[in-house]
N, C-alpha and C. Protein backbone atom coordinates (compact mmCIF):
# COMPACT_ATOMS: atom_id res chain seq x y z
N MET A 1 63.93 41.46 85.76
CA MET A 1 63.23 42.61 86.25
C MET A 1 64.14 43.37 87.23
N ALA A 2 64.27 44.66 87.02
CA ALA A 2 65.15 45.47 87.87
C ALA A 2 64.47 45.77 89.19
N THR A 3 65.25 45.81 90.24
CA THR A 3 64.72 46.16 91.56
C THR A 3 65.13 47.57 91.90
N THR A 4 64.32 48.21 92.69
CA THR A 4 64.60 49.57 93.10
C THR A 4 65.03 49.56 94.56
N THR A 5 66.15 50.18 94.84
CA THR A 5 66.64 50.25 96.20
C THR A 5 66.05 51.48 96.86
N PRO A 6 65.34 51.32 97.98
CA PRO A 6 64.77 52.48 98.66
C PRO A 6 65.87 53.44 99.13
N VAL A 7 65.56 54.70 99.10
CA VAL A 7 66.50 55.73 99.53
C VAL A 7 66.27 56.00 101.01
N SER A 8 67.31 55.99 101.79
CA SER A 8 67.17 56.22 103.23
C SER A 8 66.99 57.72 103.51
N VAL A 9 66.40 58.01 104.66
CA VAL A 9 66.21 59.40 105.06
C VAL A 9 67.55 60.10 105.22
N THR A 10 68.55 59.40 105.73
CA THR A 10 69.88 59.98 105.88
C THR A 10 70.44 60.36 104.52
N HIS A 11 70.22 59.52 103.53
CA HIS A 11 70.70 59.79 102.18
C HIS A 11 70.00 61.03 101.61
N ILE A 12 68.69 61.19 101.89
CA ILE A 12 67.94 62.35 101.39
C ILE A 12 68.48 63.63 102.02
N THR A 13 68.69 63.62 103.33
CA THR A 13 69.22 64.79 104.00
C THR A 13 70.61 65.12 103.48
N ALA A 14 71.44 64.11 103.28
CA ALA A 14 72.78 64.32 102.74
C ALA A 14 72.70 64.87 101.33
N ALA A 15 71.73 64.38 100.55
CA ALA A 15 71.58 64.87 99.18
C ALA A 15 71.22 66.34 99.17
N GLN A 16 70.33 66.76 100.07
CA GLN A 16 69.97 68.17 100.12
C GLN A 16 71.16 69.01 100.54
N ASP A 17 71.92 68.54 101.53
CA ASP A 17 73.09 69.29 101.97
C ASP A 17 74.12 69.40 100.85
N GLU A 18 74.20 68.39 100.00
CA GLU A 18 75.14 68.42 98.89
C GLU A 18 74.69 69.42 97.82
N VAL A 19 73.39 69.51 97.59
CA VAL A 19 72.87 70.42 96.56
C VAL A 19 72.93 71.86 97.04
N VAL A 20 72.43 72.12 98.24
CA VAL A 20 72.41 73.46 98.81
C VAL A 20 73.15 73.38 100.13
N ARG A 21 74.31 73.97 100.19
CA ARG A 21 75.23 73.73 101.29
C ARG A 21 74.96 74.49 102.58
N THR A 22 74.26 75.60 102.52
CA THR A 22 74.07 76.36 103.76
C THR A 22 72.60 76.41 104.17
N SER A 23 72.41 76.52 105.47
CA SER A 23 71.07 76.60 106.02
C SER A 23 70.36 77.86 105.53
N MET A 24 71.08 78.97 105.44
CA MET A 24 70.48 80.23 104.98
C MET A 24 70.01 80.11 103.53
N ALA A 25 70.79 79.45 102.69
CA ALA A 25 70.40 79.27 101.29
C ALA A 25 69.14 78.40 101.21
N ARG A 26 69.07 77.33 102.02
CA ARG A 26 67.88 76.48 102.02
C ARG A 26 66.65 77.26 102.48
N LYS A 27 66.82 78.12 103.47
CA LYS A 27 65.71 78.93 103.95
C LYS A 27 65.27 79.95 102.90
N ALA A 28 66.24 80.53 102.19
CA ALA A 28 65.90 81.48 101.12
C ALA A 28 65.13 80.77 100.01
N LEU A 29 65.55 79.56 99.65
CA LEU A 29 64.83 78.79 98.63
C LEU A 29 63.43 78.42 99.12
N ALA A 30 63.31 78.11 100.40
CA ALA A 30 61.99 77.78 100.97
C ALA A 30 61.06 79.00 100.89
N LEU A 31 61.58 80.17 101.21
CA LEU A 31 60.77 81.39 101.10
C LEU A 31 60.34 81.65 99.66
N LEU A 32 61.26 81.46 98.72
CA LEU A 32 60.94 81.64 97.31
C LEU A 32 59.87 80.64 96.89
N ARG A 33 60.01 79.38 97.31
CA ARG A 33 59.04 78.33 96.98
C ARG A 33 57.66 78.67 97.52
N ILE A 34 57.60 79.04 98.79
CA ILE A 34 56.32 79.37 99.41
C ILE A 34 55.69 80.60 98.74
N GLY A 35 56.51 81.59 98.44
CA GLY A 35 56.01 82.78 97.75
C GLY A 35 55.40 82.46 96.40
N TYR A 36 56.10 81.66 95.61
CA TYR A 36 55.55 81.26 94.31
C TYR A 36 54.30 80.39 94.50
N GLY A 37 54.33 79.48 95.46
CA GLY A 37 53.18 78.63 95.71
C GLY A 37 51.94 79.42 96.06
N LEU A 38 52.10 80.39 96.96
CA LEU A 38 50.96 81.22 97.35
C LEU A 38 50.48 82.09 96.19
N THR A 39 51.38 82.48 95.30
CA THR A 39 50.99 83.24 94.12
C THR A 39 50.07 82.40 93.23
N PHE A 40 50.41 81.13 93.03
CA PHE A 40 49.57 80.25 92.22
C PHE A 40 48.24 79.97 92.92
N LEU A 41 48.27 79.73 94.23
CA LEU A 41 47.02 79.49 94.95
C LEU A 41 46.12 80.72 94.93
N TRP A 42 46.72 81.90 95.08
CA TRP A 42 45.93 83.12 95.04
C TRP A 42 45.28 83.28 93.66
N ALA A 43 46.02 83.05 92.59
CA ALA A 43 45.44 83.15 91.24
C ALA A 43 44.28 82.17 91.08
N PHE A 44 44.43 80.96 91.62
CA PHE A 44 43.36 79.97 91.55
C PHE A 44 42.10 80.50 92.24
N PHE A 45 42.23 80.96 93.49
CA PHE A 45 41.05 81.40 94.24
C PHE A 45 40.47 82.70 93.68
N ASP A 46 41.31 83.59 93.16
CA ASP A 46 40.81 84.82 92.56
C ASP A 46 39.95 84.50 91.34
N LYS A 47 40.40 83.55 90.51
CA LYS A 47 39.64 83.17 89.33
C LYS A 47 38.42 82.32 89.69
N LEU A 48 38.55 81.50 90.70
CA LEU A 48 37.44 80.67 91.14
C LEU A 48 36.29 81.51 91.68
N LEU A 49 36.62 82.52 92.50
CA LEU A 49 35.62 83.28 93.23
C LEU A 49 35.42 84.72 92.76
N ALA A 50 36.25 85.20 91.84
CA ALA A 50 36.23 86.61 91.41
C ALA A 50 36.39 87.53 92.61
N LEU A 51 37.56 87.43 93.23
CA LEU A 51 37.83 88.19 94.44
C LEU A 51 38.13 89.67 94.19
N GLY A 52 38.27 90.04 92.93
CA GLY A 52 38.40 91.46 92.60
C GLY A 52 39.80 91.97 92.44
N TYR A 53 40.78 91.09 92.31
CA TYR A 53 42.14 91.57 92.10
C TYR A 53 42.50 91.48 90.62
N ALA A 54 42.38 90.34 90.01
CA ALA A 54 42.53 90.23 88.56
C ALA A 54 41.21 89.83 87.93
N THR A 55 40.32 89.26 88.72
CA THR A 55 39.04 88.77 88.22
C THR A 55 37.91 89.46 88.95
N GLY A 56 36.94 89.94 88.20
CA GLY A 56 35.78 90.58 88.80
C GLY A 56 35.58 92.02 88.36
N TRP A 57 36.57 92.59 87.71
CA TRP A 57 36.43 93.95 87.19
C TRP A 57 35.75 93.89 85.84
N ASN A 58 34.92 94.89 85.54
CA ASN A 58 34.32 94.92 84.21
C ASN A 58 35.36 95.39 83.18
N GLN A 59 35.03 95.33 81.91
CA GLN A 59 35.99 95.64 80.85
C GLN A 59 36.60 97.03 81.00
N ALA A 60 35.83 97.99 81.41
CA ALA A 60 36.32 99.37 81.54
C ALA A 60 37.06 99.60 82.85
N GLN A 61 37.16 98.56 83.72
CA GLN A 61 37.84 98.67 85.00
C GLN A 61 37.24 99.77 85.88
N THR A 62 35.95 99.99 85.75
CA THR A 62 35.32 101.04 86.53
C THR A 62 34.47 100.51 87.68
N SER A 63 34.09 99.25 87.63
CA SER A 63 33.29 98.71 88.73
C SER A 63 33.74 97.29 89.05
N LEU A 64 33.48 96.90 90.27
CA LEU A 64 33.91 95.60 90.77
C LEU A 64 32.70 94.76 91.12
N ASP A 65 32.72 93.49 90.70
CA ASP A 65 31.64 92.56 91.01
C ASP A 65 32.25 91.33 91.67
N ARG A 66 32.62 91.47 92.96
CA ARG A 66 33.20 90.33 93.68
C ARG A 66 32.18 89.21 93.76
N PHE A 67 32.67 87.99 93.58
CA PHE A 67 31.84 86.78 93.65
C PHE A 67 30.74 86.78 92.59
N GLY A 68 30.92 87.59 91.54
CA GLY A 68 29.90 87.74 90.51
C GLY A 68 30.08 86.80 89.34
N SER A 69 29.58 87.23 88.20
CA SER A 69 29.53 86.38 87.01
C SER A 69 30.89 86.03 86.43
N ALA A 70 31.93 86.79 86.76
CA ALA A 70 33.27 86.47 86.26
C ALA A 70 33.89 85.29 86.99
N ALA A 71 33.35 84.94 88.16
CA ALA A 71 33.87 83.82 88.94
C ALA A 71 33.68 82.52 88.17
N TRP A 72 34.68 81.67 88.22
CA TRP A 72 34.59 80.39 87.52
C TRP A 72 33.41 79.56 88.03
N TYR A 73 33.16 79.61 89.32
CA TYR A 73 32.05 78.82 89.85
C TYR A 73 30.69 79.37 89.42
N HIS A 74 30.66 80.59 88.87
CA HIS A 74 29.42 81.16 88.32
C HIS A 74 29.38 81.04 86.79
N GLY A 75 30.33 80.32 86.21
CA GLY A 75 30.34 80.14 84.76
C GLY A 75 31.30 81.04 84.01
N GLY A 76 32.05 81.89 84.72
CA GLY A 76 33.04 82.73 84.07
C GLY A 76 34.21 81.88 83.58
N SER A 77 34.95 82.40 82.63
CA SER A 77 36.09 81.66 82.07
C SER A 77 37.40 82.25 82.58
N PRO A 78 38.22 81.43 83.24
CA PRO A 78 39.51 81.93 83.71
C PRO A 78 40.54 82.14 82.60
N THR A 79 40.29 81.61 81.41
CA THR A 79 41.26 81.76 80.32
C THR A 79 40.84 82.79 79.28
N TYR A 80 39.59 83.12 79.23
CA TYR A 80 39.10 83.94 78.12
C TYR A 80 39.77 85.31 78.03
N GLY A 81 39.83 86.04 79.14
CA GLY A 81 40.38 87.39 79.11
C GLY A 81 41.81 87.45 78.60
N PHE A 82 42.67 86.61 79.16
CA PHE A 82 44.09 86.63 78.77
C PHE A 82 44.29 86.12 77.35
N LEU A 83 43.70 84.98 77.03
CA LEU A 83 43.95 84.37 75.73
C LEU A 83 43.25 85.10 74.58
N SER A 84 42.13 85.73 74.85
CA SER A 84 41.44 86.45 73.76
C SER A 84 42.11 87.78 73.45
N SER A 85 42.97 88.25 74.36
CA SER A 85 43.64 89.53 74.13
C SER A 85 45.09 89.39 73.67
N VAL A 86 45.46 88.20 73.19
CA VAL A 86 46.82 88.00 72.68
C VAL A 86 47.02 88.92 71.49
N ASN A 87 48.16 89.57 71.45
CA ASN A 87 48.50 90.52 70.39
C ASN A 87 48.36 89.87 69.02
N PRO A 88 47.69 90.52 68.07
CA PRO A 88 47.54 89.96 66.72
C PRO A 88 48.88 89.73 66.01
N ASN A 89 49.94 90.40 66.46
CA ASN A 89 51.26 90.20 65.87
C ASN A 89 52.00 88.99 66.46
N ASN A 90 51.39 88.35 67.46
CA ASN A 90 52.00 87.17 68.08
C ASN A 90 51.93 86.01 67.08
N TRP A 91 53.04 85.28 66.96
CA TRP A 91 53.10 84.15 66.03
C TRP A 91 52.03 83.11 66.32
N PHE A 92 51.65 82.97 67.58
CA PHE A 92 50.69 81.94 67.99
C PHE A 92 49.30 82.51 68.25
N HIS A 93 49.03 83.70 67.74
CA HIS A 93 47.76 84.39 67.99
C HIS A 93 46.56 83.48 67.73
N GLY A 94 46.50 82.85 66.60
CA GLY A 94 45.36 81.99 66.25
C GLY A 94 45.18 80.82 67.19
N ALA A 95 46.29 80.20 67.57
CA ALA A 95 46.21 79.05 68.49
C ALA A 95 45.71 79.49 69.85
N TYR A 96 46.25 80.58 70.36
CA TYR A 96 45.84 81.03 71.69
C TYR A 96 44.40 81.52 71.71
N THR A 97 44.01 82.33 70.73
CA THR A 97 42.64 82.84 70.74
C THR A 97 41.61 81.73 70.52
N SER A 98 41.99 80.67 69.81
CA SER A 98 41.05 79.56 69.62
C SER A 98 40.83 78.78 70.92
N MET A 99 41.78 78.86 71.85
CA MET A 99 41.64 78.18 73.15
C MET A 99 40.88 79.03 74.17
N ALA A 100 40.79 80.32 73.92
CA ALA A 100 40.20 81.25 74.89
C ALA A 100 38.78 80.84 75.25
N GLY A 101 38.55 80.56 76.51
CA GLY A 101 37.23 80.22 77.00
C GLY A 101 36.80 78.78 76.77
N ALA A 102 37.64 77.97 76.14
CA ALA A 102 37.29 76.56 75.94
C ALA A 102 37.23 75.85 77.29
N THR A 103 36.24 75.00 77.46
CA THR A 103 36.05 74.31 78.74
C THR A 103 37.29 73.52 79.13
N TRP A 104 37.86 72.80 78.18
CA TRP A 104 39.05 71.99 78.49
C TRP A 104 40.22 72.88 78.91
N ALA A 105 40.37 74.05 78.27
CA ALA A 105 41.46 74.97 78.63
C ALA A 105 41.24 75.56 80.01
N ASP A 106 39.99 75.90 80.32
CA ASP A 106 39.67 76.43 81.65
C ASP A 106 40.00 75.41 82.74
N TRP A 107 39.56 74.16 82.54
CA TRP A 107 39.82 73.11 83.53
C TRP A 107 41.31 72.83 83.68
N LEU A 108 42.01 72.72 82.56
CA LEU A 108 43.44 72.45 82.61
C LEU A 108 44.19 73.58 83.32
N PHE A 109 43.83 74.81 83.00
CA PHE A 109 44.47 75.96 83.62
C PHE A 109 44.20 76.00 85.13
N MET A 110 42.96 75.82 85.51
CA MET A 110 42.61 75.89 86.93
C MET A 110 43.22 74.73 87.72
N LEU A 111 43.19 73.52 87.17
CA LEU A 111 43.84 72.40 87.85
C LEU A 111 45.34 72.62 87.95
N GLY A 112 45.92 73.22 86.91
CA GLY A 112 47.35 73.55 86.95
C GLY A 112 47.66 74.55 88.05
N LEU A 113 46.87 75.62 88.13
CA LEU A 113 47.10 76.61 89.19
C LEU A 113 47.00 75.97 90.57
N LEU A 114 45.97 75.16 90.78
CA LEU A 114 45.77 74.53 92.08
C LEU A 114 46.89 73.53 92.39
N GLY A 115 47.20 72.67 91.44
CA GLY A 115 48.24 71.65 91.65
C GLY A 115 49.61 72.26 91.90
N ILE A 116 49.98 73.25 91.10
CA ILE A 116 51.27 73.92 91.27
C ILE A 116 51.28 74.65 92.61
N GLY A 117 50.19 75.32 92.93
CA GLY A 117 50.11 76.06 94.19
C GLY A 117 50.29 75.15 95.39
N ILE A 118 49.62 74.00 95.39
CA ILE A 118 49.76 73.05 96.49
C ILE A 118 51.18 72.49 96.54
N SER A 119 51.69 72.10 95.40
CA SER A 119 53.03 71.52 95.34
C SER A 119 54.08 72.48 95.90
N LEU A 120 54.08 73.71 95.42
CA LEU A 120 55.10 74.66 95.85
C LEU A 120 54.87 75.15 97.28
N THR A 121 53.65 75.41 97.64
CA THR A 121 53.38 75.91 98.99
C THR A 121 53.78 74.89 100.06
N PHE A 122 53.44 73.63 99.82
CA PHE A 122 53.68 72.60 100.82
C PHE A 122 54.95 71.79 100.58
N GLY A 123 55.62 71.98 99.45
CA GLY A 123 56.90 71.32 99.20
C GLY A 123 56.79 69.86 98.82
N VAL A 124 55.67 69.43 98.26
CA VAL A 124 55.49 68.03 97.85
C VAL A 124 55.42 67.94 96.32
N ALA A 125 55.85 66.80 95.80
CA ALA A 125 55.83 66.58 94.34
C ALA A 125 56.49 67.76 93.61
N MET A 126 57.63 68.18 94.13
CA MET A 126 58.31 69.36 93.60
C MET A 126 58.76 69.20 92.15
N ARG A 127 59.14 68.01 91.76
CA ARG A 127 59.58 67.82 90.37
C ARG A 127 58.42 68.01 89.40
N ILE A 128 57.27 67.45 89.73
CA ILE A 128 56.09 67.61 88.89
C ILE A 128 55.59 69.05 88.96
N GLY A 129 55.49 69.59 90.16
CA GLY A 129 55.03 70.96 90.33
C GLY A 129 55.94 71.96 89.65
N GLY A 130 57.25 71.76 89.78
CA GLY A 130 58.21 72.66 89.13
C GLY A 130 58.13 72.58 87.61
N ALA A 131 58.00 71.36 87.08
CA ALA A 131 57.89 71.20 85.63
C ALA A 131 56.60 71.82 85.11
N ALA A 132 55.50 71.62 85.85
CA ALA A 132 54.21 72.20 85.43
C ALA A 132 54.26 73.73 85.49
N ALA A 133 54.86 74.27 86.55
CA ALA A 133 54.98 75.73 86.67
C ALA A 133 55.83 76.28 85.53
N CYS A 134 56.94 75.61 85.23
CA CYS A 134 57.80 76.03 84.13
C CYS A 134 57.02 76.03 82.81
N ALA A 135 56.28 74.97 82.55
CA ALA A 135 55.49 74.88 81.31
C ALA A 135 54.45 75.99 81.25
N MET A 136 53.75 76.24 82.37
CA MET A 136 52.72 77.28 82.37
C MET A 136 53.33 78.65 82.13
N TYR A 137 54.46 78.92 82.77
CA TYR A 137 55.13 80.20 82.56
C TYR A 137 55.60 80.36 81.12
N VAL A 138 56.15 79.31 80.54
CA VAL A 138 56.63 79.40 79.16
C VAL A 138 55.46 79.64 78.20
N LEU A 139 54.34 78.97 78.42
CA LEU A 139 53.17 79.19 77.56
C LEU A 139 52.64 80.61 77.70
N MET A 140 52.63 81.14 78.92
CA MET A 140 52.17 82.52 79.13
C MET A 140 53.17 83.51 78.54
N TRP A 141 54.44 83.19 78.60
CA TRP A 141 55.48 84.03 78.00
C TRP A 141 55.29 84.09 76.49
N ALA A 142 55.05 82.93 75.87
CA ALA A 142 54.84 82.89 74.42
C ALA A 142 53.59 83.67 74.03
N ALA A 143 52.57 83.66 74.88
CA ALA A 143 51.34 84.39 74.59
C ALA A 143 51.53 85.90 74.74
N SER A 144 52.58 86.32 75.42
CA SER A 144 52.82 87.74 75.68
C SER A 144 53.59 88.45 74.57
N PHE A 145 54.05 87.72 73.58
CA PHE A 145 54.82 88.33 72.49
C PHE A 145 53.96 89.22 71.62
N PRO A 146 54.53 90.28 71.05
CA PRO A 146 55.86 90.80 71.33
C PRO A 146 55.90 91.49 72.69
N LEU A 147 57.00 91.25 73.40
CA LEU A 147 57.16 91.82 74.74
C LEU A 147 57.35 93.33 74.66
N VAL A 148 56.92 94.02 75.68
CA VAL A 148 56.95 95.48 75.67
C VAL A 148 58.28 96.04 76.18
N ASN A 149 58.81 95.50 77.28
CA ASN A 149 59.97 96.10 77.93
C ASN A 149 61.30 95.47 77.59
N ASN A 150 61.31 94.27 77.03
CA ASN A 150 62.54 93.56 76.73
C ASN A 150 62.22 92.60 75.59
N PRO A 151 63.12 92.42 74.64
CA PRO A 151 62.77 91.56 73.51
C PRO A 151 62.63 90.08 73.85
N VAL A 152 63.19 89.62 74.98
CA VAL A 152 63.17 88.19 75.28
C VAL A 152 62.72 87.88 76.71
N ILE A 153 63.23 88.61 77.69
CA ILE A 153 63.03 88.23 79.09
C ILE A 153 61.94 89.08 79.73
N ASP A 154 61.05 88.40 80.45
CA ASP A 154 60.06 89.08 81.28
C ASP A 154 59.85 88.25 82.54
N ASP A 155 58.86 88.60 83.35
CA ASP A 155 58.65 87.88 84.61
C ASP A 155 58.26 86.42 84.40
N HIS A 156 57.70 86.08 83.25
CA HIS A 156 57.38 84.67 82.98
C HIS A 156 58.64 83.83 82.84
N VAL A 157 59.65 84.36 82.19
CA VAL A 157 60.92 83.64 82.04
C VAL A 157 61.57 83.44 83.41
N LEU A 158 61.56 84.49 84.21
CA LEU A 158 62.14 84.38 85.55
C LEU A 158 61.36 83.38 86.41
N GLY A 159 60.05 83.35 86.27
CA GLY A 159 59.24 82.37 86.99
C GLY A 159 59.56 80.95 86.56
N ALA A 160 59.73 80.74 85.25
CA ALA A 160 60.06 79.40 84.74
C ALA A 160 61.42 78.94 85.27
N ILE A 161 62.40 79.82 85.25
CA ILE A 161 63.73 79.48 85.76
C ILE A 161 63.65 79.18 87.26
N SER A 162 62.93 80.01 88.00
CA SER A 162 62.80 79.80 89.45
C SER A 162 62.14 78.46 89.75
N ALA A 163 61.11 78.09 89.00
CA ALA A 163 60.42 76.82 89.22
C ALA A 163 61.37 75.64 89.03
N VAL A 164 62.22 75.72 88.02
CA VAL A 164 63.20 74.65 87.78
C VAL A 164 64.21 74.58 88.92
N VAL A 165 64.70 75.74 89.35
CA VAL A 165 65.67 75.77 90.46
C VAL A 165 65.04 75.18 91.72
N LEU A 166 63.81 75.54 92.02
CA LEU A 166 63.15 75.01 93.21
C LEU A 166 62.97 73.50 93.14
N ALA A 167 62.66 72.99 91.97
CA ALA A 167 62.48 71.54 91.81
C ALA A 167 63.80 70.79 91.94
N LEU A 168 64.88 71.39 91.48
CA LEU A 168 66.18 70.70 91.47
C LEU A 168 66.95 70.80 92.78
N THR A 169 66.55 71.69 93.65
CA THR A 169 67.32 71.90 94.89
C THR A 169 66.65 71.34 96.13
N LEU A 170 65.66 70.49 95.95
CA LEU A 170 64.94 69.90 97.08
C LEU A 170 64.39 70.99 98.02
N ALA A 171 63.89 72.06 97.42
CA ALA A 171 63.42 73.21 98.19
C ALA A 171 62.22 72.88 99.07
N GLY A 172 61.54 71.78 98.80
CA GLY A 172 60.40 71.39 99.62
C GLY A 172 60.78 70.78 100.94
N ASP A 173 62.06 70.46 101.12
CA ASP A 173 62.50 69.82 102.36
C ASP A 173 62.63 70.81 103.52
N THR A 174 62.84 72.07 103.23
CA THR A 174 62.95 73.09 104.27
C THR A 174 61.62 73.82 104.36
N TRP A 175 61.05 73.85 105.55
CA TRP A 175 59.77 74.50 105.82
C TRP A 175 58.67 73.95 104.91
N GLY A 176 58.76 72.68 104.61
CA GLY A 176 57.75 72.03 103.79
C GLY A 176 57.67 70.56 104.16
N PHE A 177 56.88 69.83 103.41
CA PHE A 177 56.67 68.41 103.67
C PHE A 177 57.47 67.52 102.74
N GLY A 178 58.52 68.06 102.12
CA GLY A 178 59.32 67.32 101.16
C GLY A 178 59.97 66.07 101.71
N ARG A 179 60.53 66.14 102.90
CA ARG A 179 61.17 64.96 103.49
C ARG A 179 60.14 63.89 103.80
N TRP A 180 59.02 64.28 104.38
CA TRP A 180 57.95 63.32 104.65
C TRP A 180 57.46 62.70 103.34
N TRP A 181 57.26 63.53 102.32
CA TRP A 181 56.80 63.07 101.01
C TRP A 181 57.77 62.05 100.42
N SER A 182 59.07 62.29 100.58
CA SER A 182 60.09 61.41 100.00
C SER A 182 60.10 60.04 100.66
N ARG A 183 59.50 59.89 101.84
CA ARG A 183 59.46 58.61 102.53
C ARG A 183 58.30 57.72 102.09
N ILE A 184 57.35 58.27 101.36
CA ILE A 184 56.21 57.49 100.88
C ILE A 184 56.73 56.46 99.88
N GLU A 185 56.27 55.23 100.03
CA GLU A 185 56.79 54.11 99.21
C GLU A 185 56.68 54.40 97.71
N LEU A 186 55.55 54.89 97.25
CA LEU A 186 55.37 55.20 95.82
C LEU A 186 56.39 56.21 95.34
N VAL A 187 56.67 57.22 96.16
CA VAL A 187 57.64 58.25 95.79
C VAL A 187 59.06 57.68 95.82
N ARG A 188 59.35 56.82 96.78
CA ARG A 188 60.68 56.19 96.85
C ARG A 188 60.93 55.32 95.63
N THR A 189 59.91 54.64 95.15
CA THR A 189 60.12 53.75 93.99
C THR A 189 60.01 54.50 92.67
N HIS A 190 59.43 55.68 92.68
CA HIS A 190 59.30 56.51 91.46
C HIS A 190 59.83 57.91 91.76
N PRO A 191 61.14 58.11 91.67
CA PRO A 191 61.75 59.39 92.06
C PRO A 191 61.22 60.60 91.29
N ALA A 192 60.59 60.41 90.15
CA ALA A 192 60.02 61.54 89.42
C ALA A 192 58.92 62.21 90.23
N LEU A 193 58.34 61.50 91.17
CA LEU A 193 57.28 62.06 92.01
C LEU A 193 57.84 62.89 93.16
N ARG A 194 59.13 62.87 93.34
CA ARG A 194 59.79 63.55 94.46
C ARG A 194 59.47 65.03 94.41
């Protein structure tokens, strides 16, 4: 049976310095991480409560019903609007529209938004949060085809790349709880949780 050698705090700090060499770069990555994290948390709360930014407007965009029937807690579907409007020319049109409004898709999407938002905002479980954010962005990118402004790249691709960079650069250690998280025994023995 193989044994796992715990990683010392000094080793973690040295590892971060090796990955990102300057304090300014670490701070810039922390700002990017927090910005993306708050974006995911905002999307979660907007869909949960129908705060009126992306959720709560009627189909004609003429009236607003904050905290109304579009809110997930009132039975609204956080996936229906986006997935039901996938372009018919999209290769995955049938797959995406069949998921629109499904209870399992709504729960998975909302738990994903919340988990990614917490992970990125607070800098914990960055590898899992970054991988989940990348997967969510790639799925939303595929649902957006054909793209309007560029044949391949849009903000979803940039979000996916950013999530990977944040996960690989220990971005949770600066202005986050990443160093504290890395000291937890379970995380030390299972580095994928880092």
